[in-house]
Amino acid sequence: VQLVESGGGLVQPGGSLRLSCAASGFPFSRYDMKWYRQAPGKEREFVALISTPSDSTNYADSVKGRFTISRDNTKNTVYLQMNSLKPEDTAVYYCNVLVVGRWYWGQGTQVTVSS
């Protein structure tokens, strides 16, 4: 199993970014996918979930209405569209999957929201 995040960067408050997570090594379309984030000095926290096969979604209260998780099963990729970004969204963002009882994480992508 391999997860590779991309799309992070520096953005001003109120701006937008789209993160991507390319997955391989498992039947992607059959698994729920999640995004987490970890800010400096804080614990890693749940951000968003997209389930399969319904593509139902769930979000942390802190990002609800601003972030959108989606997936493209033809590309084995999960996305996180982040709008109206705030300084408190600054963190390393990770995608995550549970496969055969084991959690897998990517290397993370840094998102910095600052003027």
C-alpha atoms as a PDB file:
ATOM      1  CA  VAL A   1       0.000   0.000   0.000  1.00  0.00           C
ATOM      2  CA  GLN A   2       1.303   3.419  -0.928  1.00  0.00           C
ATOM      3  CA  LEU A   3      -0.272   6.824  -0.423  1.00  0.00           C
ATOM      4  CA  VAL A   4       1.316   9.952  -1.904  1.00  0.00           C
ATOM      5  CA  GLU A   5      -0.089  13.377  -1.051  1.00  0.00           C
ATOM      6  CA  SER A   6       0.503  16.525  -3.081  1.00  0.00           C
ATOM      7  CA  GLY A   7      -0.898  19.996  -3.595  1.00  0.00           C
ATOM      8  CA  GLY A   8       0.107  21.730  -0.387  1.00  0.00           C
ATOM      9  CA  GLY A   9       1.712  25.148  -0.227  1.00  0.00           C
ATOM     10  CA  LEU A  10       1.518  28.682   1.112  1.00  0.00           C
ATOM     11  CA  VAL A  11      -1.798  30.487   0.680  1.00  0.00           C
ATOM     12  CA  GLN A  12      -3.274  33.699   2.055  1.00  0.00           C
ATOM     13  CA  PRO A  13      -6.260  33.634   4.415  1.00  0.00           C
ATOM     14  CA  GLY A  14      -9.444  33.234   2.413  1.00  0.00           C
ATOM     15  CA  GLY A  15      -7.643  31.384  -0.350  1.00  0.00           C
ATOM     16  CA  SER A  16      -8.078  27.879  -1.708  1.00  0.00           C
ATOM     17  CA  LEU A  17      -6.004  24.767  -2.283  1.00  0.00           C
ATOM     18  CA  ARG A  18      -6.758  21.308  -3.627  1.00  0.00           C
ATOM     19  CA  LEU A  19      -4.858  18.402  -2.139  1.00  0.00           C
ATOM     20  CA  SER A  20      -4.498  15.075  -3.911  1.00  0.00           C
ATOM     21  CA  CYS A  21      -3.635  11.635  -2.595  1.00  0.00           C
ATOM     22  CA  ALA A  22      -2.595   9.015  -5.136  1.00  0.00           C
ATOM     23  CA  ALA A  23      -3.123   5.480  -3.855  1.00  0.00           C
ATOM     24  CA  SER A  24      -1.698   2.170  -5.000  1.00  0.00           C
ATOM     25  CA  GLY A  25      -1.258  -1.401  -3.829  1.00  0.00           C
ATOM     26  CA  PHE A  26      -4.861  -2.122  -2.901  1.00  0.00           C
ATOM     27  CA  PRO A  27      -8.296  -2.074  -4.625  1.00  0.00           C
ATOM     28  CA  PHE A  28      -8.904   1.607  -4.091  1.00  0.00           C
ATOM     29  CA  SER A  29     -12.584   1.694  -5.044  1.00  0.00           C
ATOM     30  CA  ARG A  30     -13.476  -0.735  -2.260  1.00  0.00           C
ATOM     31  CA  TYR A  31     -12.077   1.311   0.626  1.00  0.00           C
ATOM     32  CA  ASP A  32     -13.118   4.329   2.627  1.00  0.00           C
ATOM     33  CA  MET A  33     -10.551   7.109   2.472  1.00  0.00           C
ATOM     34  CA  LYS A  34      -9.808   9.768   5.059  1.00  0.00           C
ATOM     35  CA  TRP A  35      -7.858  13.004   5.435  1.00  0.00           C
ATOM     36  CA  TYR A  36      -6.212  13.961   8.709  1.00  0.00           C
ATOM     37  CA  ARG A  37      -4.040  16.909   9.672  1.00  0.00           C
ATOM     38  CA  GLN A  38      -1.458  17.694  12.307  1.00  0.00           C
ATOM     39  CA  ALA A  39      -0.557  21.202  13.366  1.00  0.00           C
ATOM     40  CA  PRO A  40       2.716  21.981  15.174  1.00  0.00           C
ATOM     41  CA  GLY A  41       2.528  20.911  18.798  1.00  0.00           C
ATOM     42  CA  LYS A  42      -0.887  19.304  18.383  1.00  0.00           C
ATOM     43  CA  GLU A  43      -2.210  15.797  17.922  1.00  0.00           C
ATOM     44  CA  ARG A  44      -3.227  14.517  14.537  1.00  0.00           C
ATOM     45  CA  GLU A  45      -6.920  15.147  13.946  1.00  0.00           C
ATOM     46  CA  PHE A  46      -9.592  13.840  11.618  1.00  0.00           C
ATOM     47  CA  VAL A  47     -10.596  16.161   8.771  1.00  0.00           C
ATOM     48  CA  ALA A  48     -12.801  14.282   6.308  1.00  0.00           C
ATOM     49  CA  LEU A  49     -14.009  10.848   5.203  1.00  0.00           C
ATOM     50  CA  ILE A  50     -15.434   9.511   1.962  1.00  0.00           C
ATOM     51  CA  SER A  51     -17.086   6.121   2.058  1.00  0.00           C
ATOM     52  CA  THR A  52     -17.516   3.487  -0.597  1.00  0.00           C
ATOM     53  CA  PRO A  53     -19.564   2.600  -2.567  1.00  0.00           C
ATOM     54  CA  SER A  54     -21.992   5.365  -1.649  1.00  0.00           C
ATOM     55  CA  ASP A  55     -19.422   8.198  -1.684  1.00  0.00           C
ATOM     56  CA  SER A  56     -21.052   9.520   1.456  1.00  0.00           C
ATOM     57  CA  THR A  57     -18.932  12.077   3.277  1.00  0.00           C
ATOM     58  CA  ASN A  58     -18.270  13.221   6.803  1.00  0.00           C
ATOM     59  CA  TYR A  59     -16.334  16.239   8.062  1.00  0.00           C
ATOM     60  CA  ALA A  60     -14.863  17.639  11.214  1.00  0.00           C
ATOM     61  CA  ASP A  61     -16.945  20.531  12.503  1.00  0.00           C
ATOM     62  CA  SER A  62     -13.991  22.879  12.056  1.00  0.00           C
ATOM     63  CA  VAL A  63     -13.948  22.398   8.260  1.00  0.00           C
ATOM     64  CA  LYS A  64     -17.620  21.721   7.500  1.00  0.00           C
ATOM     65  CA  GLY A  65     -18.888  23.987   4.728  1.00  0.00           C
ATOM     66  CA  ARG A  66     -15.357  24.959   3.641  1.00  0.00           C
ATOM     67  CA  PHE A  67     -13.695  21.659   2.681  1.00  0.00           C
ATOM     68  CA  THR A  68     -14.921  19.024   0.233  1.00  0.00           C
ATOM     69  CA  ILE A  69     -13.590  15.487  -0.057  1.00  0.00           C
ATOM     70  CA  SER A  70     -14.019  13.576  -3.301  1.00  0.00           C
ATOM     71  CA  ARG A  71     -12.543  10.587  -5.106  1.00  0.00           C
ATOM     72  CA  ASP A  72     -11.829   9.437  -8.641  1.00  0.00           C
ATOM     73  CA  ASN A  73     -11.762   5.663  -8.717  1.00  0.00           C
ATOM     74  CA  THR A  74     -10.461   5.675 -12.302  1.00  0.00           C
ATOM     75  CA  LYS A  75      -7.334   7.474 -11.074  1.00  0.00           C
ATOM     76  CA  ASN A  76      -7.091   5.842  -7.618  1.00  0.00           C
ATOM     77  CA  THR A  77      -7.007   9.332  -6.159  1.00  0.00           C
ATOM     78  CA  VAL A  78      -8.771  11.109  -3.317  1.00  0.00           C
ATOM     79  CA  TYR A  79      -8.976  14.898  -3.191  1.00  0.00           C
ATOM     80  CA  LEU A  80      -9.517  17.553  -0.561  1.00  0.00           C
ATOM     81  CA  GLN A  81     -10.754  20.883  -1.879  1.00  0.00           C
ATOM     82  CA  MET A  82     -10.105  23.526   0.759  1.00  0.00           C
ATOM     83  CA  ASN A  83     -11.793  26.925   0.457  1.00  0.00           C
ATOM     84  CA  SER A  84     -11.950  29.953   2.730  1.00  0.00           C
ATOM     85  CA  LEU A  85      -8.738  28.870   4.380  1.00  0.00           C
ATOM     86  CA  LYS A  86      -7.864  30.200   7.817  1.00  0.00           C
ATOM     87  CA  PRO A  87      -4.539  30.457   9.643  1.00  0.00           C
ATOM     88  CA  GLU A  88      -5.724  27.698  11.963  1.00  0.00           C
ATOM     89  CA  ASP A  89      -5.880  25.340   8.988  1.00  0.00           C
ATOM     90  CA  THR A  90      -2.083  25.414   8.881  1.00  0.00           C
ATOM     91  CA  ALA A  91      -0.901  21.826   9.281  1.00  0.00           C
ATOM     92  CA  VAL A  92       0.590  18.821   7.575  1.00  0.00           C
ATOM     93  CA  TYR A  93      -2.242  17.007   5.799  1.00  0.00           C
ATOM     94  CA  TYR A  94      -2.234  13.213   5.500  1.00  0.00           C
ATOM     95  CA  CYS A  95      -4.434  10.743   3.692  1.00  0.00           C
ATOM     96  CA  ASN A  96      -5.251   7.485   5.401  1.00  0.00           C
ATOM     97  CA  VAL A  97      -6.731   4.078   4.688  1.00  0.00           C
ATOM     98  CA  LEU A  98      -7.424   0.936   6.718  1.00  0.00           C
ATOM     99  CA  VAL A  99      -6.536  -2.181   4.722  1.00  0.00           C
ATOM    100  CA  VAL A 100      -6.782  -5.674   6.218  1.00  0.00           C
ATOM    101  CA  GLY A 101      -6.654  -4.348   9.754  1.00  0.00           C
ATOM    102  CA  ARG A 102      -3.696  -2.037   9.280  1.00  0.00           C
ATOM    103  CA  TRP A 103      -3.689   1.735   9.018  1.00  0.00           C
ATOM    104  CA  TYR A 104      -1.622   3.277   6.229  1.00  0.00           C
ATOM    105  CA  TRP A 105      -0.491   6.908   5.985  1.00  0.00           C
ATOM    106  CA  GLY A 106       1.134   8.998   3.328  1.00  0.00           C
ATOM    107  CA  GLN A 107       4.147  11.222   3.933  1.00  0.00           C
ATOM    108  CA  GLY A 108       1.956  14.293   4.244  1.00  0.00           C
ATOM    109  CA  THR A 109       1.806  17.643   2.485  1.00  0.00           C
ATOM    110  CA  GLN A 110       2.340  20.976   4.237  1.00  0.00           C
ATOM    111  CA  VAL A 111      -0.387  23.602   4.099  1.00  0.00           C
ATOM    112  CA  THR A 112       0.473  27.042   5.437  1.00  0.00           C
ATOM    113  CA  VAL A 113      -2.161  29.782   5.630  1.00  0.00           C
ATOM    114  CA  SER A 114      -0.555  33.135   6.261  1.00  0.00           C
ATOM    115  CA  SER A 115      -0.537  36.681   4.998  1.00  0.00           C
END
